[in-house]
Amino acid sequence: MYSAKNQVDPASTAEDRMTVLNDVSRALAQEAGCASEAKLPAKLPAPTSG
């Protein structure tokens, strides 16, 4: 997810931005009729190291 420095709250975190991205993705999948196939989580999962 790209964001310009002047368009992001300086106090926001990567988790904040991922939460927004997840919410938008879920809404888009719902509108597209593929939410069950997308299997996007209701809440942002904990980060994993890899």
Protein backbone atom coordinates (compact mmCIF):
# COMPACT_ATOMS: atom_id res chain seq x y z
CA MET A 1 0.00 0.00 0.00
CA TYR A 2 1.57 3.26 -1.11
CA SER A 3 0.95 6.48 0.76
CA ALA A 4 2.48 9.89 0.24
CA LYS A 5 4.11 11.36 3.33
CA ASN A 6 1.85 14.42 3.28
CA GLN A 7 -1.30 12.25 3.17
CA VAL A 8 -0.65 10.00 6.15
CA ASP A 9 -1.03 10.83 9.81
CA PRO A 10 2.55 10.89 11.14
CA ALA A 11 1.36 9.02 14.25
CA SER A 12 -0.10 6.13 12.22
CA THR A 13 1.58 2.75 12.29
CA ALA A 14 2.02 0.00 9.74
CA GLU A 15 -0.68 -1.92 11.62
CA ASP A 16 -3.07 1.03 11.18
CA ARG A 17 -2.47 1.04 7.43
CA MET A 18 -2.82 -2.75 7.16
CA THR A 19 -6.11 -2.58 9.06
CA VAL A 20 -7.44 -0.08 6.52
CA LEU A 21 -6.15 -2.20 3.64
CA ASN A 22 -7.82 -5.32 5.07
CA ASP A 23 -11.13 -3.50 5.58
CA VAL A 24 -11.08 -2.13 2.03
CA SER A 25 -10.16 -5.56 0.62
CA ARG A 26 -13.02 -7.22 2.50
CA ALA A 27 -15.51 -4.60 1.29
CA LEU A 28 -14.31 -4.96 -2.31
CA ALA A 29 -14.54 -8.76 -2.15
CA GLN A 30 -18.07 -8.45 -0.73
CA GLU A 31 -19.12 -6.13 -3.56
CA ALA A 32 -17.51 -8.41 -6.15
CA GLY A 33 -19.35 -11.40 -4.71
CA CYS A 34 -16.22 -13.35 -3.90
CA ALA A 35 -15.84 -12.75 -0.16
CA SER A 36 -16.22 -16.42 0.74
CA GLU A 37 -13.57 -17.40 -1.81
CA ALA A 38 -11.23 -14.59 -0.73
CA LYS A 39 -11.25 -15.82 2.88
CA LEU A 40 -10.02 -12.48 4.18
CA PRO A 41 -9.81 -12.30 7.98
CA ALA A 42 -12.38 -10.29 9.93
CA LYS A 43 -9.55 -8.86 12.02
CA LEU A 44 -5.97 -8.25 11.09
CA PRO A 45 -3.92 -11.31 12.05
CA ALA A 46 -0.76 -11.02 14.08
CA PRO A 47 2.35 -10.48 11.95
CA THR A 48 4.48 -13.49 11.18
CA SER A 49 8.20 -13.49 10.66
CA GLY A 50 9.45 -15.13 7.56
